[in-house]
Amino acid sequence: MKAMDQDEKRRHQRHNVFSAIMISPNGHENRATVYDLSESGARVGLPDDFEHDVGASLRLFFLLDEAETIILNAHIVRVAIDHLGVQFSPAQEEDIRHLMTELAAR
């Protein structure tokens, strides 16, 4: 039996992005970078001194411009040496699609 590669396991296609964001576990703000994004989650650079593990809830603040910020709720599904894998919480599809459209236009 052939092993599934990572792309075959994903529910949604990942899109490469490079955007500064703020993530907030438990109300503490951390600057980070989003490296890729899909309709179900993202790969986020690991902030300095970040001590949260798989399962922790996060809020991700995407500052699109001075007048628009998209806030998404997520939880950590993977912690690597230099990044986090996060999965978006349900019922945010409209905001996620809007975010993906805005980031693709940059």
PDB file of N, CA and C in Angstrom:
ATOM      1  N   MET A   1       0.841  -1.186   0.000  1.00  0.00           N
ATOM      2  CA  MET A   1       0.000   0.000   0.000  1.00  0.00           C
ATOM      3  C   MET A   1       0.886   1.249   0.000  1.00  0.00           C
ATOM      4  N   LYS A   2       0.592   2.172  -0.886  1.00  0.00           N
ATOM      5  CA  LYS A   2       1.372   3.395  -1.020  1.00  0.00           C
ATOM      6  C   LYS A   2       1.011   4.375   0.097  1.00  0.00           C
ATOM      7  N   ALA A   3       2.031   4.958   0.720  1.00  0.00           N
ATOM      8  CA  ALA A   3       1.803   5.940   1.777  1.00  0.00           C
ATOM      9  C   ALA A   3       1.312   7.245   1.174  1.00  0.00           C
ATOM     10  N   MET A   4       0.378   7.876   1.860  1.00  0.00           N
ATOM     11  CA  MET A   4      -0.134   9.169   1.402  1.00  0.00           C
ATOM     12  C   MET A   4       0.884  10.254   1.671  1.00  0.00           C
ATOM     13  N   ASP A   5       1.102  11.130   0.703  1.00  0.00           N
ATOM     14  CA  ASP A   5       1.970  12.264   0.989  1.00  0.00           C
ATOM     15  C   ASP A   5       1.148  13.367   1.650  1.00  0.00           C
ATOM     16  N   GLN A   6       1.809  14.402   2.144  1.00  0.00           N
ATOM     17  CA  GLN A   6       1.143  15.453   2.916  1.00  0.00           C
ATOM     18  C   GLN A   6       0.036  16.139   2.128  1.00  0.00           C
ATOM     19  N   ASP A   7       0.239  16.403   0.826  1.00  0.00           N
ATOM     20  CA  ASP A   7      -0.772  17.079   0.028  1.00  0.00           C
ATOM     21  C   ASP A   7      -2.042  16.249  -0.103  1.00  0.00           C
ATOM     22  N   GLU A   8      -1.908  14.924  -0.172  1.00  0.00           N
ATOM     23  CA  GLU A   8      -3.078  14.075  -0.311  1.00  0.00           C
ATOM     24  C   GLU A   8      -3.919  14.054   0.959  1.00  0.00           C
ATOM     25  N   LYS A   9      -3.337  14.364   2.098  1.00  0.00           N
ATOM     26  CA  LYS A   9      -4.051  14.368   3.366  1.00  0.00           C
ATOM     27  C   LYS A   9      -4.835  15.650   3.584  1.00  0.00           C
ATOM     28  N   ARG A  10      -4.487  16.705   2.898  1.00  0.00           N
ATOM     29  CA  ARG A  10      -5.120  18.002   3.124  1.00  0.00           C
ATOM     30  C   ARG A  10      -6.520  18.049   2.534  1.00  0.00           C
ATOM     31  N   ARG A  11      -7.409  18.715   3.272  1.00  0.00           N
ATOM     32  CA  ARG A  11      -8.774  18.904   2.777  1.00  0.00           C
ATOM     33  C   ARG A  11      -8.849  20.033   1.762  1.00  0.00           C
ATOM     34  N   HIS A  12      -7.986  21.042   1.924  1.00  0.00           N
ATOM     35  CA  HIS A  12      -7.999  22.209   1.046  1.00  0.00           C
ATOM     36  C   HIS A  12      -6.593  22.533   0.588  1.00  0.00           C
ATOM     37  N   GLN A  13      -6.497  23.042  -0.621  1.00  0.00           N
ATOM     38  CA  GLN A  13      -5.203  23.410  -1.191  1.00  0.00           C
ATOM     39  C   GLN A  13      -4.597  24.579  -0.422  1.00  0.00           C
ATOM     40  N   ARG A  14      -3.292  24.475  -0.148  1.00  0.00           N
ATOM     41  CA  ARG A  14      -2.563  25.553   0.523  1.00  0.00           C
ATOM     42  C   ARG A  14      -2.076  26.561  -0.511  1.00  0.00           C
ATOM     43  N   HIS A  15      -2.098  27.826  -0.118  1.00  0.00           N
ATOM     44  CA  HIS A  15      -1.607  28.906  -0.970  1.00  0.00           C
ATOM     45  C   HIS A  15      -0.471  29.601  -0.231  1.00  0.00           C
ATOM     46  N   ASN A  16       0.663  29.757  -0.902  1.00  0.00           N
ATOM     47  CA  ASN A  16       1.795  30.448  -0.291  1.00  0.00           C
ATOM     48  C   ASN A  16       1.457  31.917  -0.120  1.00  0.00           C
ATOM     49  N   VAL A  17       1.694  32.413   1.067  1.00  0.00           N
ATOM     50  CA  VAL A  17       1.519  33.833   1.373  1.00  0.00           C
ATOM     51  C   VAL A  17       2.697  34.221   2.260  1.00  0.00           C
ATOM     52  N   PHE A  18       2.891  35.465   2.432  1.00  0.00           N
ATOM     53  CA  PHE A  18       3.905  35.953   3.369  1.00  0.00           C
ATOM     54  C   PHE A  18       3.333  37.224   3.955  1.00  0.00           C
ATOM     55  N   SER A  19       2.746  37.091   5.146  1.00  0.00           N
ATOM     56  CA  SER A  19       2.050  38.217   5.738  1.00  0.00           C
ATOM     57  C   SER A  19       2.312  38.264   7.235  1.00  0.00           C
ATOM     58  N   ALA A  20       2.610  39.457   7.723  1.00  0.00           N
ATOM     59  CA  ALA A  20       2.779  39.649   9.161  1.00  0.00           C
ATOM     60  C   ALA A  20       1.406  39.614   9.823  1.00  0.00           C
ATOM     61  N   ILE A  21       1.327  38.932  10.966  1.00  0.00           N
ATOM     62  CA  ILE A  21       0.080  38.880  11.726  1.00  0.00           C
ATOM     63  C   ILE A  21       0.406  38.994  13.206  1.00  0.00           C
ATOM     64  N   MET A  22      -0.649  39.111  13.981  1.00  0.00           N
ATOM     65  CA  MET A  22      -0.552  39.058  15.426  1.00  0.00           C
ATOM     66  C   MET A  22      -1.353  37.834  15.852  1.00  0.00           C
ATOM     67  N   ILE A  23      -0.779  36.995  16.708  1.00  0.00           N
ATOM     68  CA  ILE A  23      -1.545  35.880  17.258  1.00  0.00           C
ATOM     69  C   ILE A  23      -1.660  36.082  18.759  1.00  0.00           C
ATOM     70  N   SER A  24      -2.783  35.657  19.292  1.00  0.00           N
ATOM     71  CA  SER A  24      -3.043  35.894  20.705  1.00  0.00           C
ATOM     72  C   SER A  24      -3.604  34.643  21.368  1.00  0.00           C
ATOM     73  N   PRO A  25      -2.738  33.922  22.072  1.00  0.00           N
ATOM     74  CA  PRO A  25      -3.248  32.866  22.946  1.00  0.00           C
ATOM     75  C   PRO A  25      -3.464  33.469  24.334  1.00  0.00           C
ATOM     76  N   ASN A  26      -4.595  33.237  24.920  1.00  0.00           N
ATOM     77  CA  ASN A  26      -4.868  33.710  26.287  1.00  0.00           C
ATOM     78  C   ASN A  26      -4.688  35.214  26.453  1.00  0.00           C
ATOM     79  N   GLY A  27      -4.957  35.985  25.415  1.00  0.00           N
ATOM     80  CA  GLY A  27      -4.878  37.439  25.508  1.00  0.00           C
ATOM     81  C   GLY A  27      -3.496  38.045  25.363  1.00  0.00           C
ATOM     82  N   HIS A  28      -2.447  37.234  25.284  1.00  0.00           N
ATOM     83  CA  HIS A  28      -1.095  37.749  25.091  1.00  0.00           C
ATOM     84  C   HIS A  28      -0.802  37.855  23.606  1.00  0.00           C
ATOM     85  N   GLU A  29      -0.365  39.032  23.163  1.00  0.00           N
ATOM     86  CA  GLU A  29      -0.118  39.252  21.734  1.00  0.00           C
ATOM     87  C   GLU A  29       1.298  38.845  21.358  1.00  0.00           C
ATOM     88  N   ASN A  30       1.419  38.149  20.223  1.00  0.00           N
ATOM     89  CA  ASN A  30       2.708  37.724  19.677  1.00  0.00           C
ATOM     90  C   ASN A  30       2.740  38.051  18.196  1.00  0.00           C
ATOM     91  N   ARG A  31       3.828  38.670  17.757  1.00  0.00           N
ATOM     92  CA  ARG A  31       3.995  38.922  16.316  1.00  0.00           C
ATOM     93  C   ARG A  31       4.473  37.646  15.649  1.00  0.00           C
ATOM     94  N   ALA A  32       3.946  37.396  14.460  1.00  0.00           N
ATOM     95  CA  ALA A  32       4.317  36.190  13.720  1.00  0.00           C
ATOM     96  C   ALA A  32       4.144  36.459  12.229  1.00  0.00           C
ATOM     97  N   THR A  33       4.472  35.451  11.418  1.00  0.00           N
ATOM     98  CA  THR A  33       4.324  35.527   9.969  1.00  0.00           C
ATOM     99  C   THR A  33       3.538  34.313   9.494  1.00  0.00           C
ATOM    100  N   VAL A  34       2.602  34.536   8.594  1.00  0.00           N
ATOM    101  CA  VAL A  34       1.882  33.426   7.969  1.00  0.00           C
ATOM    102  C   VAL A  34       2.617  33.072   6.686  1.00  0.00           C
ATOM    103  N   TYR A  35       2.925  31.778   6.518  1.00  0.00           N
ATOM    104  CA  TYR A  35       3.654  31.319   5.335  1.00  0.00           C
ATOM    105  C   TYR A  35       2.755  30.664   4.299  1.00  0.00           C
ATOM    106  N   ASP A  36       1.729  29.976   4.756  1.00  0.00           N
ATOM    107  CA  ASP A  36       0.739  29.465   3.815  1.00  0.00           C
ATOM    108  C   ASP A  36      -0.614  29.403   4.486  1.00  0.00           C
ATOM    109  N   LEU A  37      -1.644  29.358   3.634  1.00  0.00           N
ATOM    110  CA  LEU A  37      -3.010  29.524   4.093  1.00  0.00           C
ATOM    111  C   LEU A  37      -3.931  28.677   3.232  1.00  0.00           C
ATOM    112  N   SER A  38      -4.910  28.063   3.844  1.00  0.00           N
ATOM    113  CA  SER A  38      -5.953  27.350   3.112  1.00  0.00           C
ATOM    114  C   SER A  38      -7.288  27.695   3.747  1.00  0.00           C
ATOM    115  N   GLU A  39      -8.351  27.122   3.232  1.00  0.00           N
ATOM    116  CA  GLU A  39      -9.676  27.367   3.797  1.00  0.00           C
ATOM    117  C   GLU A  39      -9.831  26.753   5.183  1.00  0.00           C
ATOM    118  N   SER A  40      -8.940  25.818   5.537  1.00  0.00           N
ATOM    119  CA  SER A  40      -9.091  25.145   6.830  1.00  0.00           C
ATOM    120  C   SER A  40      -7.991  25.464   7.836  1.00  0.00           C
ATOM    121  N   GLY A  41      -6.892  26.084   7.401  1.00  0.00           N
ATOM    122  CA  GLY A  41      -5.827  26.348   8.358  1.00  0.00           C
ATOM    123  C   GLY A  41      -4.668  27.110   7.756  1.00  0.00           C
ATOM    124  N   ALA A  42      -3.572  27.179   8.525  1.00  0.00           N
ATOM    125  CA  ALA A  42      -2.413  27.957   8.093  1.00  0.00           C
ATOM    126  C   ALA A  42      -1.143  27.429   8.752  1.00  0.00           C
ATOM    127  N   ARG A  43      -0.014  27.799   8.139  1.00  0.00           N
ATOM    128  CA  ARG A  43       1.306  27.559   8.735  1.00  0.00           C
ATOM    129  C   ARG A  43       1.834  28.921   9.157  1.00  0.00           C
ATOM    130  N   VAL A  44       2.106  29.041  10.449  1.00  0.00           N
ATOM    131  CA  VAL A  44       2.469  30.316  11.059  1.00  0.00           C
ATOM    132  C   VAL A  44       3.855  30.182  11.687  1.00  0.00           C
ATOM    133  N   GLY A  45       4.706  31.162  11.449  1.00  0.00           N
ATOM    134  CA  GLY A  45       6.022  31.161  12.079  1.00  0.00           C
ATOM    135  C   GLY A  45       5.904  31.125  13.594  1.00  0.00           C
ATOM    136  N   LEU A  46       6.780  30.395  14.235  1.00  0.00           N
ATOM    137  CA  LEU A  46       6.760  30.262  15.689  1.00  0.00           C
ATOM    138  C   LEU A  46       7.290  31.545  16.335  1.00  0.00           C
ATOM    139  N   PRO A  47       6.448  32.245  17.101  1.00  0.00           N
ATOM    140  CA  PRO A  47       6.915  33.470  17.761  1.00  0.00           C
ATOM    141  C   PRO A  47       7.976  33.165  18.819  1.00  0.00           C
ATOM    142  N   ASP A  48       8.812  34.161  19.109  1.00  0.00           N
ATOM    143  CA  ASP A  48       9.808  34.024  20.174  1.00  0.00           C
ATOM    144  C   ASP A  48       9.098  33.774  21.505  1.00  0.00           C
ATOM    145  N   ASP A  49       9.688  32.946  22.334  1.00  0.00           N
ATOM    146  CA  ASP A  49       9.178  32.660  23.682  1.00  0.00           C
ATOM    147  C   ASP A  49       7.737  32.159  23.692  1.00  0.00           C
ATOM    148  N   PHE A  50       7.325  31.447  22.666  1.00  0.00           N
ATOM    149  CA  PHE A  50       5.962  30.914  22.579  1.00  0.00           C
ATOM    150  C   PHE A  50       5.931  29.570  23.284  1.00  0.00           C
ATOM    151  N   GLU A  51       5.071  29.426  24.284  1.00  0.00           N
ATOM    152  CA  GLU A  51       5.071  28.227  25.111  1.00  0.00           C
ATOM    153  C   GLU A  51       3.758  27.455  25.076  1.00  0.00           C
ATOM    154  N   HIS A  52       2.994  27.555  24.020  1.00  0.00           N
ATOM    155  CA  HIS A  52       1.714  26.852  23.920  1.00  0.00           C
ATOM    156  C   HIS A  52       1.891  25.616  23.062  1.00  0.00           C
ATOM    157  N   ASP A  53       1.045  24.624  23.296  1.00  0.00           N
ATOM    158  CA  ASP A  53       1.214  23.344  22.626  1.00  0.00           C
ATOM    159  C   ASP A  53      -0.034  22.978  21.835  1.00  0.00           C
ATOM    160  N   VAL A  54       0.006  21.807  21.219  1.00  0.00           N
ATOM    161  CA  VAL A  54      -1.111  21.287  20.437  1.00  0.00           C
ATOM    162  C   VAL A  54      -2.393  21.344  21.269  1.00  0.00           C
ATOM    163  N   GLY A  55      -3.454  21.845  20.634  1.00  0.00           N
ATOM    164  CA  GLY A  55      -4.746  21.955  21.292  1.00  0.00           C
ATOM    165  C   GLY A  55      -5.054  23.343  21.814  1.00  0.00           C
ATOM    166  N   ALA A  56      -4.033  24.179  21.989  1.00  0.00           N
ATOM    167  CA  ALA A  56      -4.261  25.529  22.512  1.00  0.00           C
ATOM    168  C   ALA A  56      -5.051  26.367  21.509  1.00  0.00           C
ATOM    169  N   SER A  57      -5.961  27.164  22.017  1.00  0.00           N
ATOM    170  CA  SER A  57      -6.762  28.063  21.177  1.00  0.00           C
ATOM    171  C   SER A  57      -5.999  29.350  20.921  1.00  0.00           C
ATOM    172  N   LEU A  58      -6.207  29.904  19.736  1.00  0.00           N
ATOM    173  CA  LEU A  58      -5.551  31.143  19.316  1.00  0.00           C
ATOM    174  C   LEU A  58      -6.548  32.042  18.616  1.00  0.00           C
ATOM    175  N   ARG A  59      -6.242  33.328  18.621  1.00  0.00           N
ATOM    176  CA  ARG A  59      -6.908  34.281  17.737  1.00  0.00           C
ATOM    177  C   ARG A  59      -5.824  34.821  16.826  1.00  0.00           C
ATOM    178  N   LEU A  60      -6.091  34.839  15.528  1.00  0.00           N
ATOM    179  CA  LEU A  60      -5.152  35.351  14.542  1.00  0.00           C
ATOM    180  C   LEU A  60      -5.693  36.669  14.005  1.00  0.00           C
ATOM    181  N   PHE A  61      -4.883  37.714  14.081  1.00  0.00           N
ATOM    182  CA  PHE A  61      -5.272  39.051  13.644  1.00  0.00           C
ATOM    183  C   PHE A  61      -4.525  39.373  12.350  1.00  0.00           C
ATOM    184  N   PHE A  62      -5.255  39.436  11.245  1.00  0.00           N
ATOM    185  CA  PHE A  62      -4.701  39.775   9.935  1.00  0.00           C
ATOM    186  C   PHE A  62      -5.007  41.241   9.675  1.00  0.00           C
ATOM    187  N   LEU A  63      -3.994  42.092   9.710  1.00  0.00           N
ATOM    188  CA  LEU A  63      -4.156  43.528   9.492  1.00  0.00           C
ATOM    189  C   LEU A  63      -4.040  43.802   7.998  1.00  0.00           C
ATOM    190  N   LEU A  64      -5.178  43.914   7.322  1.00  0.00           N
ATOM    191  CA  LEU A  64      -5.160  44.086   5.870  1.00  0.00           C
ATOM    192  C   LEU A  64      -4.806  45.508   5.472  1.00  0.00           C
ATOM    193  N   ASP A  65      -5.283  46.481   6.210  1.00  0.00           N
ATOM    194  CA  ASP A  65      -4.924  47.883   6.022  1.00  0.00           C
ATOM    195  C   ASP A  65      -5.329  48.624   7.295  1.00  0.00           C
ATOM    196  N   GLU A  66      -5.215  49.934   7.281  1.00  0.00           N
ATOM    197  CA  GLU A  66      -5.513  50.707   8.491  1.00  0.00           C
ATOM    198  C   GLU A  66      -6.960  50.564   8.949  1.00  0.00           C
ATOM    199  N   ALA A  67      -7.862  50.267   8.015  1.00  0.00           N
ATOM    200  CA  ALA A  67      -9.282  50.222   8.355  1.00  0.00           C
ATOM    201  C   ALA A  67      -9.845  48.813   8.478  1.00  0.00           C
ATOM    202  N   GLU A  68      -9.081  47.787   8.105  1.00  0.00           N
ATOM    203  CA  GLU A  68      -9.653  46.436   8.090  1.00  0.00           C
ATOM    204  C   GLU A  68      -8.725  45.408   8.727  1.00  0.00           C
ATOM    205  N   THR A  69      -9.261  44.741   9.733  1.00  0.00           N
ATOM    206  CA  THR A  69      -8.581  43.631  10.386  1.00  0.00           C
ATOM    207  C   THR A  69      -9.524  42.437  10.374  1.00  0.00           C
ATOM    208  N   ILE A  70      -9.025  41.298   9.943  1.00  0.00           N
ATOM    209  CA  ILE A  70      -9.808  40.058  10.002  1.00  0.00           C
ATOM    210  C   ILE A  70      -9.264  39.242  11.163  1.00  0.00           C
ATOM    211  N   ILE A  71     -10.148  38.844  12.055  1.00  0.00           N
ATOM    212  CA  ILE A  71      -9.773  38.042  13.218  1.00  0.00           C
ATOM    213  C   ILE A  71     -10.362  36.650  13.046  1.00  0.00           C
ATOM    214  N   LEU A  72      -9.492  35.643  13.100  1.00  0.00           N
ATOM    215  CA  LEU A  72      -9.937  34.260  12.980  1.00  0.00           C
ATOM    216  C   LEU A  72      -9.587  33.487  14.242  1.00  0.00           C
ATOM    217  N   ASN A  73     -10.488  32.620  14.648  1.00  0.00           N
ATOM    218  CA  ASN A  73     -10.243  31.721  15.769  1.00  0.00           C
ATOM    219  C   ASN A  73      -9.689  30.417  15.231  1.00  0.00           C
ATOM    220  N   ALA A  74      -8.729  29.847  15.949  1.00  0.00           N
ATOM    221  CA  ALA A  74      -8.079  28.607  15.504  1.00  0.00           C
ATOM    222  C   ALA A  74      -7.551  27.860  16.723  1.00  0.00           C
ATOM    223  N   HIS A  75      -7.033  26.672  16.477  1.00  0.00           N
ATOM    224  CA  HIS A  75      -6.312  25.946  17.519  1.00  0.00           C
ATOM    225  C   HIS A  75      -5.078  25.304  16.897  1.00  0.00           C
ATOM    226  N   ILE A  76      -4.080  25.089  17.723  1.00  0.00           N
ATOM    227  CA  ILE A  76      -2.808  24.531  17.261  1.00  0.00           C
ATOM    228  C   ILE A  76      -2.968  23.035  17.030  1.00  0.00           C
ATOM    229  N   VAL A  77      -2.563  22.582  15.834  1.00  0.00           N
ATOM    230  CA  VAL A  77      -2.606  21.148  15.526  1.00  0.00           C
ATOM    231  C   VAL A  77      -1.206  20.556  15.366  1.00  0.00           C
ATOM    232  N   ARG A  78      -0.189  21.432  15.251  1.00  0.00           N
ATOM    233  CA  ARG A  78       1.190  20.954  15.100  1.00  0.00           C
ATOM    234  C   ARG A  78       2.148  22.046  15.572  1.00  0.00           C
ATOM    235  N   VAL A  79       3.174  21.631  16.305  1.00  0.00           N
ATOM    236  CA  VAL A  79       4.242  22.544  16.699  1.00  0.00           C
ATOM    237  C   VAL A  79       5.542  21.969  16.167  1.00  0.00           C
ATOM    238  N   ALA A  80       6.216  22.711  15.305  1.00  0.00           N
ATOM    239  CA  ALA A  80       7.500  22.294  14.735  1.00  0.00           C
ATOM    240  C   ALA A  80       8.598  23.198  15.291  1.00  0.00           C
ATOM    241  N   ILE A  81       9.800  22.988  14.838  1.00  0.00           N
ATOM    242  CA  ILE A  81      10.938  23.776  15.326  1.00  0.00           C
ATOM    243  C   ILE A  81      10.752  25.262  15.046  1.00  0.00           C
ATOM    244  N   ASP A  82      10.211  25.597  13.866  1.00  0.00           N
ATOM    245  CA  ASP A  82      10.127  27.006  13.485  1.00  0.00           C
ATOM    246  C   ASP A  82       8.735  27.481  13.083  1.00  0.00           C
ATOM    247  N   HIS A  83       7.718  26.625  13.241  1.00  0.00           N
ATOM    248  CA  HIS A  83       6.375  27.058  12.860  1.00  0.00           C
ATOM    249  C   HIS A  83       5.290  26.295  13.617  1.00  0.00           C
ATOM    250  N   LEU A  84       4.082  26.830  13.515  1.00  0.00           N
ATOM    251  CA  LEU A  84       2.885  26.202  14.057  1.00  0.00           C
ATOM    252  C   LEU A  84       1.968  25.839  12.910  1.00  0.00           C
ATOM    253  N   GLY A  85       1.286  24.733  13.022  1.00  0.00           N
ATOM    254  CA  GLY A  85       0.183  24.416  12.132  1.00  0.00           C
ATOM    255  C   GLY A  85      -1.091  24.702  12.890  1.00  0.00           C
ATOM    256  N   VAL A  86      -1.961  25.522  12.336  1.00  0.00           N
ATOM    257  CA  VAL A  86      -3.214  25.848  13.012  1.00  0.00           C
ATOM    258  C   VAL A  86      -4.393  25.465  12.134  1.00  0.00           C
ATOM    259  N   GLN A  87      -5.463  25.070  12.790  1.00  0.00           N
ATOM    260  CA  GLN A  87      -6.706  24.742  12.092  1.00  0.00           C
ATOM    261  C   GLN A  87      -7.746  25.764  12.522  1.00  0.00           C
ATOM    262  N   PHE A  88      -8.423  26.348  11.521  1.00  0.00           N
ATOM    263  CA  PHE A  88      -9.437  27.351  11.813  1.00  0.00           C
ATOM    264  C   PHE A  88     -10.671  26.700  12.427  1.00  0.00           C
ATOM    265  N   SER A  89     -11.303  27.420  13.333  1.00  0.00           N
ATOM    266  CA  SER A  89     -12.546  26.964  13.938  1.00  0.00           C
ATOM    267  C   SER A  89     -13.665  27.049  12.903  1.00  0.00           C
ATOM    268  N   PRO A  90     -14.729  26.256  13.079  1.00  0.00           N
ATOM    269  CA  PRO A  90     -15.854  26.275  12.123  1.00  0.00           C
ATOM    270  C   PRO A  90     -16.571  27.625  12.084  1.00  0.00           C
ATOM    271  N   ALA A  91     -17.385  27.800  11.058  1.00  0.00           N
ATOM    272  CA  ALA A  91     -18.284  28.949  10.881  1.00  0.00           C
ATOM    273  C   ALA A  91     -17.553  30.265  10.629  1.00  0.00           C
ATOM    274  N   GLN A  92     -16.391  30.212   9.964  1.00  0.00           N
ATOM    275  CA  GLN A  92     -15.652  31.431   9.613  1.00  0.00           C
ATOM    276  C   GLN A  92     -15.363  31.474   8.111  1.00  0.00           C
ATOM    277  N   GLU A  93     -16.039  30.645   7.362  1.00  0.00           N
ATOM    278  CA  GLU A  93     -15.733  30.462   5.941  1.00  0.00           C
ATOM    279  C   GLU A  93     -15.760  31.762   5.152  1.00  0.00           C
ATOM    280  N   GLU A  94     -16.731  32.622   5.410  1.00  0.00           N
ATOM    281  CA  GLU A  94     -16.827  33.884   4.660  1.00  0.00           C
ATOM    282  C   GLU A  94     -15.611  34.770   4.937  1.00  0.00           C
ATOM    283  N   ASP A  95     -15.214  34.877   6.203  1.00  0.00           N
ATOM    284  CA  ASP A  95     -14.038  35.676   6.551  1.00  0.00           C
ATOM    285  C   ASP A  95     -12.763  35.086   5.951  1.00  0.00           C
ATOM    286  N   ILE A  96     -12.652  33.761   5.947  1.00  0.00           N
ATOM    287  CA  ILE A  96     -11.462  33.096   5.398  1.00  0.00           C
ATOM    288  C   ILE A  96     -11.369  33.337   3.896  1.00  0.00           C
ATOM    289  N   ARG A  97     -12.474  33.192   3.192  1.00  0.00           N
ATOM    290  CA  ARG A  97     -12.468  33.444   1.739  1.00  0.00           C
ATOM    291  C   ARG A  97     -12.104  34.899   1.438  1.00  0.00           C
ATOM    292  N   HIS A  98     -12.655  35.826   2.216  1.00  0.00           N
ATOM    293  CA  HIS A  98     -12.329  37.252   2.021  1.00  0.00           C
ATOM    294  C   HIS A  98     -10.843  37.487   2.263  1.00  0.00           C
ATOM    295  N   LEU A  99     -10.302  36.897   3.329  1.00  0.00           N
ATOM    296  CA  LEU A  99      -8.883  37.030   3.622  1.00  0.00           C
ATOM    297  C   LEU A  99      -8.031  36.489   2.498  1.00  0.00           C
ATOM    298  N   MET A 100      -8.364  35.308   1.999  1.00  0.00           N
ATOM    299  CA  MET A 100      -7.582  34.700   0.928  1.00  0.00           C
ATOM    300  C   MET A 100      -7.619  35.565  -0.336  1.00  0.00           C
ATOM    301  N   THR A 101      -8.759  36.137  -0.631  1.00  0.00           N
ATOM    302  CA  THR A 101      -8.884  37.030  -1.797  1.00  0.00           C
ATOM    303  C   THR A 101      -8.011  38.262  -1.625  1.00  0.00           C
ATOM    304  N   GLU A 102      -8.045  38.861  -0.442  1.00  0.00           N
ATOM    305  CA  GLU A 102      -7.252  40.067  -0.183  1.00  0.00           C
ATOM    306  C   GLU A 102      -5.753  39.783  -0.241  1.00  0.00           C
ATOM    307  N   LEU A 103      -5.314  38.674   0.340  1.00  0.00           N
ATOM    308  CA  LEU A 103      -3.888  38.351   0.330  1.00  0.00           C
ATOM    309  C   LEU A 103      -3.406  37.969  -1.070  1.00  0.00           C
ATOM    310  N   ALA A 104      -4.262  37.333  -1.864  1.00  0.00           N
ATOM    311  CA  ALA A 104      -3.889  36.961  -3.235  1.00  0.00           C
ATOM    312  C   ALA A 104      -3.711  38.201  -4.119  1.00  0.00           C
ATOM    313  N   ALA A 105      -4.415  39.275  -3.790  1.00  0.00           N
ATOM    314  CA  ALA A 105      -4.356  40.494  -4.592  1.00  0.00           C
ATOM    315  C   ALA A 105      -3.095  41.313  -4.313  1.00  0.00           C
ATOM    316  N   ARG A 106      -2.330  40.933  -3.330  1.00  0.00           N
ATOM    317  CA  ARG A 106      -1.118  41.699  -2.965  1.00  0.00           C
ATOM    318  C   ARG A 106       0.067  41.312  -3.800  1.00  0.00           C
TER     319      ARG A 106
END
